[in-house]
N, C-alpha and C. Protein backbone atom coordinates (compact mmCIF):
# COMPACT_ATOMS: atom_id res chain seq x y z
N MET A 1 -20.01 36.99 10.29
CA MET A 1 -18.63 36.74 10.18
C MET A 1 -18.31 35.58 11.41
N ALA A 2 -18.75 36.15 12.52
CA ALA A 2 -18.60 35.08 13.35
C ALA A 2 -18.59 33.35 13.28
N SER A 3 -20.17 33.05 12.11
CA SER A 3 -20.37 31.69 12.23
C SER A 3 -19.37 31.32 10.87
N TYR A 4 -19.14 32.15 10.16
CA TYR A 4 -17.88 31.72 9.34
C TYR A 4 -16.55 31.47 9.86
N HIS A 5 -16.14 32.12 10.75
CA HIS A 5 -15.22 31.97 11.50
C HIS A 5 -15.05 30.61 12.25
N ARG A 6 -16.17 30.48 12.83
CA ARG A 6 -16.39 29.07 13.37
C ARG A 6 -16.40 27.57 12.64
N ILE A 7 -17.14 27.88 11.41
CA ILE A 7 -17.17 26.96 10.29
C ILE A 7 -15.81 26.71 9.80
N TYR A 8 -15.04 27.64 9.39
CA TYR A 8 -13.80 27.20 9.05
C TYR A 8 -12.85 26.84 10.10
N ARG A 9 -12.95 27.16 11.45
CA ARG A 9 -11.85 26.61 12.63
C ARG A 9 -12.57 25.07 12.73
N VAL A 10 -13.80 24.94 12.39
CA VAL A 10 -13.96 23.29 12.61
C VAL A 10 -13.45 22.31 11.61
N VAL A 11 -13.69 23.16 10.24
CA VAL A 11 -13.47 22.56 8.88
C VAL A 11 -11.61 22.38 9.43
N LEU A 12 -10.60 23.09 9.79
CA LEU A 12 -9.43 23.15 10.10
C LEU A 12 -9.06 21.87 10.96
N VAL A 13 -10.14 21.94 11.86
CA VAL A 13 -9.38 20.87 12.97
C VAL A 13 -9.88 19.36 12.42
N LEU A 14 -10.70 19.31 11.88
CA LEU A 14 -11.05 17.76 11.06
C LEU A 14 -10.27 17.76 9.98
N LEU A 15 -9.47 18.77 9.28
CA LEU A 15 -8.39 18.44 8.30
C LEU A 15 -7.32 17.55 9.40
N LEU A 16 -6.94 18.79 10.23
CA LEU A 16 -5.80 18.17 11.11
C LEU A 16 -6.24 17.33 12.07
N ALA A 17 -7.45 16.48 12.50
CA ALA A 17 -7.43 15.08 13.12
C ALA A 17 -6.98 14.07 11.68
N ALA A 18 -7.87 14.11 10.58
CA ALA A 18 -7.60 13.44 9.59
C ALA A 18 -5.95 13.09 9.27
N PHE A 19 -5.34 14.13 9.46
CA PHE A 19 -4.04 13.93 8.94
C PHE A 19 -3.15 13.26 10.41
N SER A 20 -3.49 13.70 11.00
CA SER A 20 -2.79 13.26 12.58
C SER A 20 -3.03 11.85 12.82
N GLY A 21 -4.15 11.73 12.73
CA GLY A 21 -4.75 9.98 12.79
C GLY A 21 -5.00 10.05 14.53
N CYS A 22 -5.14 11.12 15.17
CA CYS A 22 -5.55 10.90 16.46
C CYS A 22 -5.57 12.23 17.36
N GLY A 23 -6.55 12.01 18.11
CA GLY A 23 -6.49 13.05 19.11
C GLY A 23 -7.58 14.49 18.53
N GLY A 24 -8.38 14.33 17.20
CA GLY A 24 -8.96 15.39 16.77
C GLY A 24 -9.91 15.53 17.69
N ASN A 25 -10.74 14.73 18.22
CA ASN A 25 -11.97 15.41 19.58
C ASN A 25 -11.43 16.18 20.38
N ARG A 26 -10.28 15.81 20.69
CA ARG A 26 -9.61 16.66 22.47
C ARG A 26 -9.32 17.98 21.23
N ALA A 27 -8.90 18.16 20.33
CA ALA A 27 -8.61 19.75 19.50
C ALA A 27 -9.51 20.32 19.20
N GLN A 28 -10.64 19.39 18.53
CA GLN A 28 -12.07 20.24 18.17
C GLN A 28 -12.57 20.76 19.32
N THR A 29 -12.69 20.14 20.35
CA THR A 29 -13.20 20.64 21.82
C THR A 29 -12.18 21.68 22.38
N GLU A 30 -11.10 21.59 22.01
CA GLU A 30 -10.02 22.78 22.27
C GLU A 30 -10.39 24.17 21.75
N LEU A 31 -11.00 24.09 20.45
CA LEU A 31 -10.91 24.70 19.83
C LEU A 31 -12.30 25.77 19.82
N GLU A 32 -13.40 24.93 20.31
CA GLU A 32 -14.39 25.18 20.45
C GLU A 32 -14.68 26.03 21.90
N LYS A 33 -13.95 25.72 22.81
CA LYS A 33 -14.01 26.42 24.10
C LYS A 33 -13.28 27.64 23.81
N GLY A 34 -12.21 27.47 22.85
CA GLY A 34 -11.66 29.17 22.41
C GLY A 34 -12.95 29.58 22.13
N ASP A 35 -13.81 29.41 20.77
CA ASP A 35 -14.49 30.26 20.69
C ASP A 35 -15.76 30.60 21.50
N ASP A 36 -15.80 29.71 22.61
CA ASP A 36 -16.98 30.23 23.41
C ASP A 36 -15.98 31.37 24.39
N PHE A 37 -14.99 31.48 24.69
CA PHE A 37 -14.27 32.51 25.74
C PHE A 37 -14.29 33.62 24.49
N TYR A 38 -14.02 33.30 23.31
CA TYR A 38 -13.96 34.61 22.25
C TYR A 38 -15.59 35.18 22.33
N GLU A 39 -16.34 34.44 22.72
CA GLU A 39 -17.50 35.05 21.81
C GLU A 39 -18.07 35.85 23.43
N ARG A 40 -17.82 35.13 24.82
CA ARG A 40 -17.83 36.09 26.01
C ARG A 40 -16.88 37.21 26.10
N GLY A 41 -15.82 37.24 25.40
CA GLY A 41 -15.07 38.29 25.70
C GLY A 41 -15.43 39.19 25.14
N LYS A 42 -16.36 39.15 23.86
CA LYS A 42 -16.90 39.99 22.85
C LYS A 42 -17.81 40.75 23.60
N THR A 43 -18.96 39.96 24.30
CA THR A 43 -20.14 40.38 25.22
C THR A 43 -19.27 41.34 26.15
N TYR A 44 -18.40 41.10 27.33
CA TYR A 44 -17.94 41.90 27.95
C TYR A 44 -17.27 43.29 27.47
N HIS A 45 -16.60 42.91 25.96
CA HIS A 45 -16.06 44.38 25.80
C HIS A 45 -17.73 45.01 25.28
N PHE A 46 -18.37 44.54 24.71
CA PHE A 46 -19.42 45.55 24.50
C PHE A 46 -20.06 45.99 25.60
N LYS A 47 -20.02 45.46 26.71
CA LYS A 47 -20.40 46.19 28.05
C LYS A 47 -19.77 46.73 28.50
N GLY A 48 -18.33 47.31 27.91
CA GLY A 48 -17.74 48.13 28.81
C GLY A 48 -16.98 47.20 29.84
N GLU A 49 -16.87 46.34 30.11
CA GLU A 49 -16.24 45.56 30.92
C GLU A 49 -14.82 44.89 30.77
N TYR A 50 -14.19 46.12 30.07
CA TYR A 50 -12.76 45.25 29.36
C TYR A 50 -11.56 44.52 30.40
N ASP A 51 -11.65 44.39 31.87
CA ASP A 51 -10.91 43.39 32.61
C ASP A 51 -11.32 41.95 32.32
N LYS A 52 -12.56 42.01 32.29
CA LYS A 52 -13.32 40.42 32.29
C LYS A 52 -13.11 40.32 30.67
N ALA A 53 -13.50 40.89 29.59
CA ALA A 53 -13.09 40.79 28.39
C ALA A 53 -11.64 40.54 27.91
N ILE A 54 -10.72 40.91 28.51
CA ILE A 54 -9.31 40.76 28.29
C ILE A 54 -9.08 38.73 28.73
N GLU A 55 -9.55 38.80 29.98
CA GLU A 55 -9.20 37.32 30.37
C GLU A 55 -10.02 36.27 29.74
N GLU A 56 -10.87 36.46 29.24
CA GLU A 56 -11.82 35.87 28.18
C GLU A 56 -10.96 35.66 26.81
N PHE A 57 -10.30 36.53 26.23
CA PHE A 57 -9.61 36.92 24.98
C PHE A 57 -8.42 35.87 25.59
N THR A 58 -7.98 36.30 26.37
CA THR A 58 -6.65 35.87 26.79
C THR A 58 -6.59 34.18 26.84
N GLU A 59 -7.74 33.69 27.22
CA GLU A 59 -8.05 32.32 27.57
C GLU A 59 -8.36 31.68 26.27
N ALA A 60 -9.03 32.47 25.36
CA ALA A 60 -9.37 32.30 23.59
C ALA A 60 -7.50 31.73 23.31
N ILE A 61 -6.88 32.46 23.36
CA ILE A 61 -5.36 32.47 22.95
C ILE A 61 -4.56 31.62 23.65
N ARG A 62 -4.91 31.14 25.34
CA ARG A 62 -4.20 29.97 25.56
C ARG A 62 -4.64 28.78 24.82
N LEU A 63 -5.86 28.51 24.59
CA LEU A 63 -6.36 27.41 24.04
C LEU A 63 -5.79 27.10 22.52
N ASP A 64 -6.12 28.38 21.81
CA ASP A 64 -5.70 28.53 20.16
C ASP A 64 -4.46 30.05 20.01
N PRO A 65 -3.31 29.63 20.41
CA PRO A 65 -2.18 30.75 19.96
C PRO A 65 -2.59 31.48 18.95
N ASN A 66 -3.02 30.78 17.68
CA ASN A 66 -3.25 31.18 16.27
C ASN A 66 -4.43 31.94 16.32
N TYR A 67 -5.09 32.35 17.13
CA TYR A 67 -6.56 33.01 17.27
C TYR A 67 -6.68 34.39 16.71
N ALA A 68 -6.38 34.93 15.60
CA ALA A 68 -6.13 36.35 15.35
C ALA A 68 -7.21 37.03 15.78
N LEU A 69 -8.30 36.59 15.66
CA LEU A 69 -9.44 37.43 16.36
C LEU A 69 -9.54 37.88 17.72
N ALA A 70 -9.47 36.76 18.40
CA ALA A 70 -8.85 37.20 20.25
C ALA A 70 -7.65 37.98 20.38
N TYR A 71 -6.53 37.91 19.32
CA TYR A 71 -6.08 39.39 19.71
C TYR A 71 -6.58 40.47 19.44
N ARG A 72 -6.75 40.43 18.12
CA ARG A 72 -7.53 41.53 18.06
C ARG A 72 -8.02 42.55 18.76
N GLU A 73 -9.09 41.60 18.93
CA GLU A 73 -10.52 42.26 20.25
C GLU A 73 -9.70 42.30 21.53
N ARG A 74 -8.91 41.44 22.04
CA ARG A 74 -7.89 42.16 23.31
C ARG A 74 -7.77 42.81 23.50
N GLY A 75 -6.81 43.18 21.77
CA GLY A 75 -5.93 44.55 21.67
C GLY A 75 -7.13 45.71 22.01
N SER A 76 -8.45 45.88 21.22
CA SER A 76 -9.41 47.10 21.37
C SER A 76 -9.46 46.75 22.47
N ALA A 77 -9.84 46.15 23.55
CA ALA A 77 -9.85 45.90 25.07
C ALA A 77 -8.89 46.67 25.86
N TYR A 78 -7.88 46.85 25.35
CA TYR A 78 -6.78 47.42 25.55
C TYR A 78 -6.64 48.64 25.62
N PHE A 79 -6.88 48.85 24.14
CA PHE A 79 -7.37 50.38 23.91
C PHE A 79 -8.02 51.14 24.88
N PHE A 80 -9.46 50.47 24.81
CA PHE A 80 -10.20 51.49 25.60
C PHE A 80 -9.93 51.76 27.35
N LYS A 81 -9.02 50.64 27.39
CA LYS A 81 -8.13 50.86 29.12
C LYS A 81 -7.07 52.24 29.02
N GLY A 82 -6.48 52.54 28.20
CA GLY A 82 -5.73 53.27 27.78
C GLY A 82 -4.30 52.15 27.70
N GLU A 83 -4.39 51.03 27.37
CA GLU A 83 -2.91 50.55 27.40
C GLU A 83 -2.44 50.40 25.92
N TYR A 84 -2.15 51.27 25.46
CA TYR A 84 -1.82 51.48 23.88
C TYR A 84 -0.44 50.98 23.42
N ASP A 85 0.38 50.55 24.00
CA ASP A 85 1.58 49.56 24.13
C ASP A 85 1.11 47.94 23.61
N LYS A 86 0.21 47.70 24.90
CA LYS A 86 -0.53 46.03 24.41
C LYS A 86 -1.21 46.10 23.47
N THR A 87 -2.08 47.51 23.23
CA THR A 87 -2.78 47.35 22.03
C THR A 87 -2.18 47.24 20.73
N ILE A 88 -0.80 47.89 20.58
CA ILE A 88 -0.10 47.59 19.45
C ILE A 88 0.62 46.39 19.26
N GLU A 89 1.04 45.74 20.72
CA GLU A 89 1.47 44.24 20.48
C GLU A 89 0.50 43.61 19.97
N ASP A 90 -0.96 43.54 20.82
CA ASP A 90 -1.53 42.51 20.28
C ASP A 90 -2.43 42.87 18.87
N SER A 91 -2.16 43.55 18.21
CA SER A 91 -2.52 44.31 17.21
C SER A 91 -1.80 43.70 15.93
N THR A 92 -0.71 43.51 16.34
CA THR A 92 0.72 43.48 15.65
C THR A 92 0.63 41.62 15.32
N GLU A 93 0.03 41.04 16.51
CA GLU A 93 0.50 39.72 16.61
C GLU A 93 -0.80 39.15 15.47
N ALA A 94 -2.30 39.96 15.67
CA ALA A 94 -3.64 39.58 14.98
C ALA A 94 -2.73 39.85 13.44
N ILE A 95 -2.16 41.02 13.14
CA ILE A 95 -1.59 41.12 11.75
C ILE A 95 -0.82 40.18 10.98
N ARG A 96 0.31 39.81 12.15
CA ARG A 96 1.27 38.44 11.89
C ARG A 96 0.21 37.25 11.07
N LEU A 97 -0.90 37.02 12.15
CA LEU A 97 -1.63 35.70 12.15
C LEU A 97 -2.88 36.14 10.77
N LYS A 98 -3.12 37.22 10.71
CA LYS A 98 -4.00 37.36 9.54
C LYS A 98 -3.98 38.46 8.93
N PRO A 99 -2.98 38.51 7.69
CA PRO A 99 -2.44 39.78 7.19
C PRO A 99 -3.24 40.99 6.64
N ASN A 100 -4.36 40.22 6.22
CA ASN A 100 -5.70 41.09 5.52
C ASN A 100 -6.66 41.71 6.41
N ASP A 101 -6.01 41.55 7.93
CA ASP A 101 -7.47 42.15 8.65
C ASP A 101 -7.59 43.75 8.76
N ALA A 102 -8.61 44.46 8.19
CA ALA A 102 -8.00 45.69 8.23
C ALA A 102 -8.32 46.36 9.73
N GLY A 103 -9.31 45.42 10.53
CA GLY A 103 -9.82 46.07 12.07
C GLY A 103 -8.45 45.70 12.90
N ALA A 104 -7.59 44.89 12.64
CA ALA A 104 -6.20 45.05 13.38
C ALA A 104 -5.58 46.30 13.31
N TYR A 105 -5.82 46.94 11.88
CA TYR A 105 -4.73 47.68 11.22
C TYR A 105 -5.53 49.21 12.14
N GLY A 106 -6.73 48.85 11.89
CA GLY A 106 -7.22 49.82 12.55
C GLY A 106 -6.85 50.35 14.15
N ASN A 107 -7.21 49.20 14.74
CA ASN A 107 -6.87 49.41 16.48
C ASN A 107 -5.35 49.99 16.34
N ARG A 108 -4.33 49.10 15.63
CA ARG A 108 -3.39 49.82 15.85
C ARG A 108 -2.94 51.27 15.77
N SER A 109 -3.71 51.67 14.17
CA SER A 109 -3.27 52.61 13.90
C SER A 109 -4.03 53.72 15.13
N LEU A 110 -4.92 53.67 15.77
CA LEU A 110 -5.50 54.16 16.95
C LEU A 110 -4.45 54.31 17.93
N ALA A 111 -3.83 53.18 18.13
CA ALA A 111 -3.14 53.48 19.13
C ALA A 111 -1.73 54.30 19.47
N TYR A 112 -1.15 54.10 18.09
CA TYR A 112 -0.30 54.85 17.64
C TYR A 112 -0.82 56.48 17.51
N GLN A 113 -1.76 56.78 17.09
CA GLN A 113 -2.66 58.15 16.94
C GLN A 113 -2.61 58.51 18.53
N ARG A 114 -2.89 57.89 19.31
CA ARG A 114 -3.07 58.15 20.75
C ARG A 114 -1.71 58.27 21.67
N LYS A 115 -0.51 57.68 21.13
CA LYS A 115 0.69 57.58 21.66
C LYS A 115 1.33 59.11 20.90
N GLY A 116 0.86 59.57 19.74
CA GLY A 116 1.31 60.80 19.42
C GLY A 116 2.43 60.31 18.13
N ASP A 117 2.72 58.84 17.86
CA ASP A 117 3.46 58.52 16.80
C ASP A 117 2.83 58.21 15.81
N TYR A 118 2.69 59.56 14.84
CA TYR A 118 2.08 60.08 13.88
C TYR A 118 2.22 59.21 12.43
N ASP A 119 3.93 58.57 12.26
CA ASP A 119 3.89 58.44 11.27
C ASP A 119 3.67 56.99 11.38
N LYS A 120 3.87 56.25 12.54
CA LYS A 120 3.40 54.83 12.40
C LYS A 120 1.45 54.80 11.89
N ALA A 121 1.10 55.77 12.67
CA ALA A 121 -0.05 55.80 12.45
C ALA A 121 -0.81 56.35 11.58
N ILE A 122 -0.09 56.87 10.88
CA ILE A 122 -0.41 57.02 8.91
C ILE A 122 -0.24 55.86 8.23
N ALA A 123 1.54 55.07 8.68
CA ALA A 123 1.66 53.85 7.51
C ALA A 123 0.25 53.05 8.10
N SER A 124 -0.14 53.02 9.48
CA SER A 124 -1.11 51.66 9.84
C SER A 124 -2.47 52.05 8.77
N TRP A 125 -2.95 53.05 9.04
CA TRP A 125 -4.15 53.58 8.03
C TRP A 125 -4.08 53.41 6.80
N THR A 126 -3.27 53.50 6.28
CA THR A 126 -3.03 53.58 5.10
C THR A 126 -2.94 51.97 4.72
N GLU A 127 -2.42 51.14 5.27
CA GLU A 127 -2.37 49.53 5.14
C GLU A 127 -4.12 49.01 5.54
N PHE A 128 -4.79 49.90 6.47
CA PHE A 128 -6.15 49.81 6.62
C PHE A 128 -6.90 50.21 5.42
N ILE A 129 -6.41 51.62 4.63
CA ILE A 129 -7.48 51.51 3.70
C ILE A 129 -7.06 51.06 2.22
N ARG A 130 -5.73 50.46 2.09
CA ARG A 130 -5.42 49.70 0.85
C ARG A 130 -6.38 48.40 1.31
N LEU A 131 -6.64 47.69 2.35
CA LEU A 131 -7.49 46.55 2.47
C LEU A 131 -8.73 46.71 2.73
N ASP A 132 -9.38 48.16 2.69
CA ASP A 132 -10.96 48.74 3.17
C ASP A 132 -11.34 49.97 2.17
N PRO A 133 -10.86 49.80 0.76
CA PRO A 133 -10.84 51.20 0.37
C PRO A 133 -12.08 52.22 0.42
N ASN A 134 -13.18 51.35 0.72
CA ASN A 134 -14.55 51.86 0.72
C ASN A 134 -14.76 52.41 1.90
N ASN A 135 -14.26 52.20 3.10
CA ASN A 135 -14.50 52.39 4.57
C ASN A 135 -14.26 54.02 4.98
N ALA A 136 -14.72 54.90 5.03
CA ALA A 136 -14.59 55.74 5.41
C ALA A 136 -13.98 56.30 6.69
N GLU A 137 -13.55 55.70 7.51
CA GLU A 137 -13.20 55.51 8.65
C GLU A 137 -11.98 55.56 8.78
N GLY A 138 -11.16 54.90 7.80
CA GLY A 138 -9.61 54.89 7.49
C GLY A 138 -9.29 56.65 7.03
N TYR A 139 -10.22 56.75 6.15
CA TYR A 139 -10.02 58.05 5.58
C TYR A 139 -9.65 59.40 6.97
N LYS A 140 -10.97 59.33 7.65
CA LYS A 140 -11.63 60.54 8.57
C LYS A 140 -10.09 60.05 9.49
N HIS A 141 -9.76 59.19 9.88
CA HIS A 141 -8.68 58.78 10.98
C HIS A 141 -7.18 59.60 10.47
N ARG A 142 -7.13 58.89 9.17
CA ARG A 142 -5.86 59.31 8.59
C ARG A 142 -6.01 60.81 8.53
N GLY A 143 -7.13 61.50 8.26
CA GLY A 143 -7.20 62.77 7.74
C GLY A 143 -6.70 63.40 9.22
N TRP A 144 -7.30 63.16 10.25
CA TRP A 144 -7.00 63.93 11.70
C TRP A 144 -5.28 63.54 11.76
N VAL A 145 -4.56 62.41 11.48
CA VAL A 145 -3.24 62.52 12.05
C VAL A 145 -2.78 63.27 10.73
N TYR A 146 -3.15 63.31 10.16
CA TYR A 146 -2.22 64.58 8.91
C TYR A 146 -2.85 65.84 9.43
N LYS A 147 -3.39 66.11 10.09
CA LYS A 147 -3.75 67.31 10.52
C LYS A 147 -3.24 67.74 11.83
N ASN A 148 -3.03 66.99 12.47
CA ASN A 148 -2.33 66.98 13.66
C ASN A 148 -0.93 67.31 13.64
N LYS A 149 -0.22 66.68 12.45
CA LYS A 149 1.17 66.94 11.87
C LYS A 149 1.29 68.36 11.34
N GLY A 150 0.16 68.58 10.75
CA GLY A 150 0.22 69.96 10.13
C GLY A 150 0.30 69.88 8.89
N ASP A 151 0.00 68.26 8.24
CA ASP A 151 0.16 68.72 6.62
C ASP A 151 -1.42 68.74 6.23
N LEU A 152 -1.97 70.17 5.75
CA LEU A 152 -3.64 70.58 6.08
C LEU A 152 -3.82 70.14 4.53
N GLN A 153 -2.89 69.91 3.43
CA GLN A 153 -3.14 69.47 2.12
C GLN A 153 -3.93 68.12 2.04
N LYS A 154 -3.15 67.15 2.81
CA LYS A 154 -3.25 65.74 2.97
C LYS A 154 -4.64 65.33 3.87
N ALA A 155 -4.54 66.20 5.02
CA ALA A 155 -5.65 65.79 5.82
C ALA A 155 -6.74 66.64 5.17
N ILE A 156 -7.05 67.13 4.10
CA ILE A 156 -8.36 67.72 3.47
C ILE A 156 -8.71 67.12 2.48
N ALA A 157 -7.71 66.44 1.63
CA ALA A 157 -7.50 65.34 0.54
C ALA A 157 -8.27 63.89 1.48
N ASP A 158 -8.01 64.08 2.45
CA ASP A 158 -8.85 62.67 3.06
C ASP A 158 -10.00 62.88 3.73
N PHE A 159 -10.25 63.96 4.23
CA PHE A 159 -11.65 64.45 4.92
C PHE A 159 -12.16 64.35 3.89
N ASP A 160 -11.98 64.83 2.46
CA ASP A 160 -12.93 65.06 1.04
C ASP A 160 -13.08 63.69 0.65
N LYS A 161 -12.41 62.63 0.49
CA LYS A 161 -12.55 61.08 0.60
C LYS A 161 -13.43 60.59 1.57
N ALA A 162 -13.16 60.74 2.59
CA ALA A 162 -14.19 60.49 3.63
C ALA A 162 -15.73 61.03 3.48
N LYS A 163 -15.70 62.35 3.29
CA LYS A 163 -16.96 62.56 3.00
C LYS A 163 -17.60 62.15 1.56
N SER A 164 -17.20 61.51 0.77
CA SER A 164 -17.22 60.92 -0.62
C SER A 164 -18.22 59.75 -0.27
N LEU A 165 -17.50 59.05 0.88
CA LEU A 165 -17.49 57.87 1.06
C LEU A 165 -18.87 57.60 2.05
N ASP A 166 -19.09 58.49 2.86
CA ASP A 166 -19.99 58.51 3.90
C ASP A 166 -20.53 60.12 3.91
N PRO A 167 -21.29 60.38 2.90
CA PRO A 167 -22.09 61.59 3.09
C PRO A 167 -22.61 62.35 4.77
N ASP A 168 -22.53 61.28 5.53
CA ASP A 168 -22.87 62.36 6.90
C ASP A 168 -21.95 62.46 7.33
N PHE A 169 -20.45 62.48 6.87
CA PHE A 169 -19.23 62.69 7.75
C PHE A 169 -19.28 64.88 7.46
N ILE A 170 -18.93 65.10 8.64
CA ILE A 170 -19.17 66.40 8.71
C ILE A 170 -17.36 66.78 8.41
N LYS A 171 -17.35 67.68 7.58
CA LYS A 171 -15.50 67.89 7.66
C LYS A 171 -15.16 68.87 8.66
N PRO A 172 -14.57 68.66 9.35
CA PRO A 172 -14.08 69.97 10.36
C PRO A 172 -13.61 71.01 10.03
N THR A 173 -14.68 71.92 10.92
CA THR A 173 -15.11 73.47 10.43
C THR A 173 -13.36 74.29 9.83
N VAL A 174 -12.46 73.58 11.22
CA VAL A 174 -11.54 74.20 11.10
C VAL A 174 -10.58 74.17 10.01
N LEU A 175 -11.13 73.34 8.67
CA LEU A 175 -10.09 72.90 7.55
C LEU A 175 -11.19 73.67 6.26
N GLN A 176 -12.25 73.85 6.44
CA GLN A 176 -13.06 74.45 5.56
C GLN A 176 -12.94 76.36 5.23
């Protein structure tokens, strides 16, 4: 995925350089630097060094304000720091830039869930499921939100769907 993203960005830069007639090398270099910051940010994120990850993703965004994946991953780092409003903000920007990114919807959904904004969490998980219907995680999480809202019928339906997609999923005993 990262290599596809990098190839796409290089092709985009080359097209922009061809149409602009100048400055192509500088633009390509800036985008490549943005990718470097993004990759370092992912490494820090994986290691649990969220402040460093946020710094790297922020620099990638500074170099390319349309870098949807950098917004998504910075939002994820904010989530792990408990900064849910910033998670929602970055995830929403990632969605604006790349509307079919199920991962950005997932990040935003989790933040809404943690804030107790169940209606927005359900709407966001529903969009995640629309974009990635075979991913059990969306059904699992939306099921928990329904359970927390007291809508046990919908919770059971989502947990059953998650179980059909992921046989290792253990349906919560409180609903069995």
